[in-house]
Protein backbone atom coordinates (compact mmCIF):
# COMPACT_ATOMS: atom_id res chain seq x y z
CA MET A 1 34.02 108.98 148.50
CA GLY A 2 31.95 110.87 145.89
CA ALA A 3 34.80 113.28 145.11
CA LEU A 4 37.20 110.38 144.65
CA ARG A 5 34.89 108.61 142.22
CA LEU A 6 34.42 111.81 140.21
CA GLN A 7 38.19 112.34 140.08
CA GLU A 8 38.72 108.80 138.74
CA HIS A 9 36.53 109.48 135.74
CA VAL A 10 37.49 112.97 134.59
CA SER A 11 37.70 113.04 130.83
CA GLU A 12 40.86 115.18 130.79
CA PRO A 13 43.39 113.22 132.88
CA GLU A 14 46.01 115.98 132.71
CA ASN A 15 43.77 117.91 135.14
CA GLU A 16 44.90 115.54 137.89
CA LEU A 17 48.35 114.46 136.65
CA SER A 18 51.35 116.70 137.05
CA SER A 19 52.75 116.35 133.54
CA THR A 20 51.43 116.43 130.00
CA PRO A 21 51.06 113.11 128.18
CA PHE A 22 54.15 111.64 126.56
CA LYS A 23 51.74 110.66 123.77
CA ARG A 24 48.08 111.43 123.25
CA GLY A 25 46.19 108.89 121.17
CA LYS A 26 42.63 108.89 119.92
CA VAL A 27 41.22 107.44 123.16
CA LYS A 28 44.24 106.85 125.40
CA ASP A 29 46.83 109.18 126.96
CA ILE A 30 50.29 107.81 127.73
CA TYR A 31 52.53 109.20 130.48
CA GLU A 32 56.18 108.27 130.96
CA LEU A 33 56.70 107.20 134.58
CA ASP A 34 60.39 106.28 134.37
CA SER A 35 62.85 104.57 132.02
CA GLU A 36 60.99 101.26 132.25
CA GLN A 37 57.29 102.00 132.75
CA LEU A 38 54.43 103.97 131.24
CA LEU A 39 51.01 104.93 132.55
CA PHE A 40 48.10 104.35 130.17
CA VAL A 41 45.07 106.52 130.95
CA PHE A 42 42.01 105.24 129.11
CA THR A 43 39.85 108.31 128.50
CA ASP A 44 36.14 108.71 127.81
CA ARG A 45 36.90 110.09 124.31
CA VAL A 46 35.11 108.40 121.43
CA SER A 47 36.82 107.48 118.16
CA ALA A 48 35.01 106.12 115.11
CA TYR A 49 36.53 105.60 111.68
CA ASP A 50 39.77 107.24 112.88
CA ILE A 51 38.01 110.42 113.97
CA VAL A 52 37.82 111.60 117.58
CA LEU A 53 34.22 112.70 118.09
CA PRO A 54 33.37 115.84 120.08
CA SER A 55 31.26 113.95 122.65
CA THR A 56 32.43 111.55 125.34
CA ILE A 57 30.89 108.47 126.92
CA PRO A 58 31.03 108.51 130.72
CA ARG A 59 33.15 105.66 132.13
CA LYS A 60 34.15 104.43 128.68
CA GLY A 61 37.80 104.62 129.76
CA GLU A 62 37.08 102.38 132.73
CA VAL A 63 35.37 99.81 130.50
CA LEU A 64 38.26 99.81 128.00
CA CYS A 65 40.84 99.44 130.77
CA LYS A 66 38.97 96.54 132.38
CA LEU A 67 38.45 94.80 129.03
CA ALA A 68 42.14 95.13 128.17
CA ALA A 69 43.18 93.78 131.58
CA TYR A 70 40.70 90.90 131.28
CA TRP A 71 42.03 89.79 127.89
CA PHE A 72 45.71 90.18 128.88
CA ASN A 73 45.06 87.95 131.89
CA TYR A 74 42.79 85.48 130.08
CA LEU A 75 45.08 84.92 127.07
CA LYS A 76 48.04 84.13 129.35
CA VAL A 77 50.72 85.28 126.92
CA PRO A 78 53.63 87.61 127.65
CA ASN A 79 52.46 91.23 127.43
CA HIS A 80 53.27 94.69 128.72
CA LEU A 81 50.71 94.85 131.57
CA VAL A 82 52.23 95.39 135.03
CA ARG A 83 49.04 96.23 136.95
CA VAL A 84 45.77 98.13 136.79
CA GLU A 85 46.24 101.23 138.92
CA ASN A 86 42.75 102.77 138.94
CA PRO A 87 39.54 101.89 137.11
CA ASN A 88 40.84 103.63 133.96
CA ARG A 89 44.62 103.46 134.47
CA MET A 90 47.15 100.78 133.68
CA ILE A 91 50.88 100.64 134.41
CA VAL A 92 52.76 98.91 131.58
CA ARG A 93 56.35 98.00 130.74
CA LYS A 94 58.04 99.93 127.95
CA LEU A 95 58.53 97.65 124.97
CA LYS A 96 59.53 98.18 121.37
CA MET A 97 56.24 98.45 119.52
CA ILE A 98 55.62 96.98 116.10
CA PRO A 99 53.50 99.81 114.59
CA VAL A 100 50.91 97.40 113.20
CA GLU A 101 47.39 96.71 114.40
CA CYS A 102 46.71 93.01 113.86
CA VAL A 103 43.03 93.02 112.90
CA VAL A 104 41.35 89.63 112.46
CA ARG A 105 37.92 89.97 110.88
CA GLY A 106 35.07 87.50 111.22
CA TYR A 107 32.67 89.56 109.13
CA LEU A 108 32.85 91.59 105.94
CA TYR A 109 32.63 95.07 107.35
CA GLY A 110 34.22 98.53 107.30
CA SER A 111 37.28 99.06 105.17
CA LEU A 112 37.45 95.37 104.18
CA TYR A 113 33.97 95.64 102.66
CA GLU A 114 34.99 98.82 100.83
CA ARG A 115 38.17 97.19 99.48
CA LEU A 116 36.24 94.10 98.30
CA VAL A 117 33.71 96.28 96.45
CA LYS A 118 36.58 98.22 94.77
CA GLY A 119 38.33 94.97 93.83
CA ASP A 120 41.37 95.66 96.01
CA VAL A 121 41.01 92.32 97.82
CA ASN A 122 39.73 88.93 96.74
CA LEU A 123 37.53 86.98 99.15
CA PRO A 124 35.25 83.95 98.62
CA VAL A 125 32.09 85.91 99.55
CA LYS A 126 29.64 88.15 97.77
CA PRO A 127 30.07 91.87 98.57
CA ILE A 128 27.20 92.05 101.08
CA ASN A 129 27.98 94.21 104.09
CA ALA A 130 28.25 92.28 107.41
CA THR A 131 28.43 88.86 105.71
CA LYS A 132 30.04 86.24 107.95
CA LEU A 133 33.40 85.24 106.49
CA PRO A 134 34.03 81.51 105.97
CA GLU A 135 37.12 81.80 108.18
CA PRO A 136 38.80 84.60 110.14
CA TYR A 137 40.63 87.00 107.83
CA PHE A 138 43.96 88.55 108.90
CA ASP A 139 43.73 92.22 107.90
CA PRO A 140 46.62 94.22 109.43
CA THR A 141 46.65 98.02 109.43
CA THR A 142 49.17 100.68 110.30
CA LYS A 143 48.95 101.94 113.88
CA SER A 144 48.67 105.66 113.32
CA ASP A 145 47.59 108.71 115.31
CA LEU A 146 45.87 110.04 112.19
CA LYS A 147 44.35 107.29 110.06
CA ASP A 148 44.99 103.55 110.21
CA GLU A 149 45.67 102.21 106.71
CA PRO A 150 45.58 98.59 105.49
CA VAL A 151 49.07 97.13 105.17
CA THR A 152 50.39 93.87 103.72
CA VAL A 153 52.96 91.58 105.31
CA ASP A 154 55.36 92.59 102.49
CA GLN A 155 54.91 96.26 103.44
CA ILE A 156 55.55 95.44 107.10
CA VAL A 157 58.86 93.84 106.08
CA ASP A 158 59.73 96.60 103.57
CA GLU A 159 59.17 99.29 106.23
CA GLY A 160 61.57 97.43 108.54
CA TRP A 161 58.94 96.97 111.24
CA LEU A 162 59.60 93.22 111.36
CA ASP A 163 61.89 90.87 109.47
CA ARG A 164 60.53 88.32 107.02
CA LYS A 165 61.26 85.33 109.30
CA LYS A 166 59.22 86.81 112.17
CA SER A 167 56.36 88.29 110.12
CA PRO A 168 54.29 85.04 109.85
CA HIS A 169 54.27 85.03 113.67
CA LEU A 170 51.95 88.10 113.65
CA LYS A 171 49.24 86.26 111.75
CA MET A 172 49.66 83.08 113.79
CA VAL A 173 49.43 84.88 117.14
CA ALA A 174 46.50 87.06 116.01
CA SER A 175 44.63 83.99 114.73
CA THR A 176 45.33 82.04 117.94
CA PHE A 177 44.02 84.94 120.04
CA THR A 178 40.92 85.15 117.86
CA ARG A 179 40.14 81.45 118.37
CA LYS A 180 40.64 81.76 122.16
CA CYS A 181 38.38 84.81 122.28
CA GLN A 182 35.73 83.07 120.19
CA SER A 183 35.77 80.13 122.60
CA VAL A 184 34.76 82.50 125.42
CA ARG A 185 31.95 83.92 123.32
CA THR A 186 30.55 80.49 122.43
CA ARG A 187 30.55 79.04 125.97
CA PRO A 188 27.28 78.81 127.88
CA ALA A 189 26.89 81.81 130.22
CA SER A 190 27.19 79.62 133.33
CA SER A 191 30.72 78.53 132.35
CA SER A 192 31.92 81.82 130.90
CA PRO A 193 34.72 83.50 132.85
CA ILE A 194 33.11 86.89 132.20
CA SER A 195 29.62 86.06 133.46
CA ASN A 196 30.30 87.30 137.02
């Protein structure tokens, strides 16, 4: 049993898989299983501010995989999850990806704070780091292997990632998910679905 548990949490999944990753992200490796499915291996690599750090966090991949599975199941919307295969592995359907990360911010932090200080964005708050925003702020970025960059809805349309009629759907879905996630956070612990 001990050898099995160790094997589940190796930080370099290619040591136990027969092929090299189809794609290697900052914290996740993706393997092509067949024409319809992929294997996501959530690694213990650490990424901060778009940089993969030299250290790892044991079992981080397992936590990320379980969190992702929890939210996919809780939100009850169509998604790519087929099943969780191991503590840090997920089988997913191949889908056409919109290369946009739909960030919804509740606080003035990170690149949004920096852009407010520079005058690149206009928000109804003083430029004080970590200030709670009066309402969730939709702040999409590119989904890049190198550095995620802020992107506007017009840029998303101009790049051909999504047509203008469908682009408002990104903000609506992201905002809906945010409200559902916040409702879990604000429930008393005894009624929270994640308290067990």
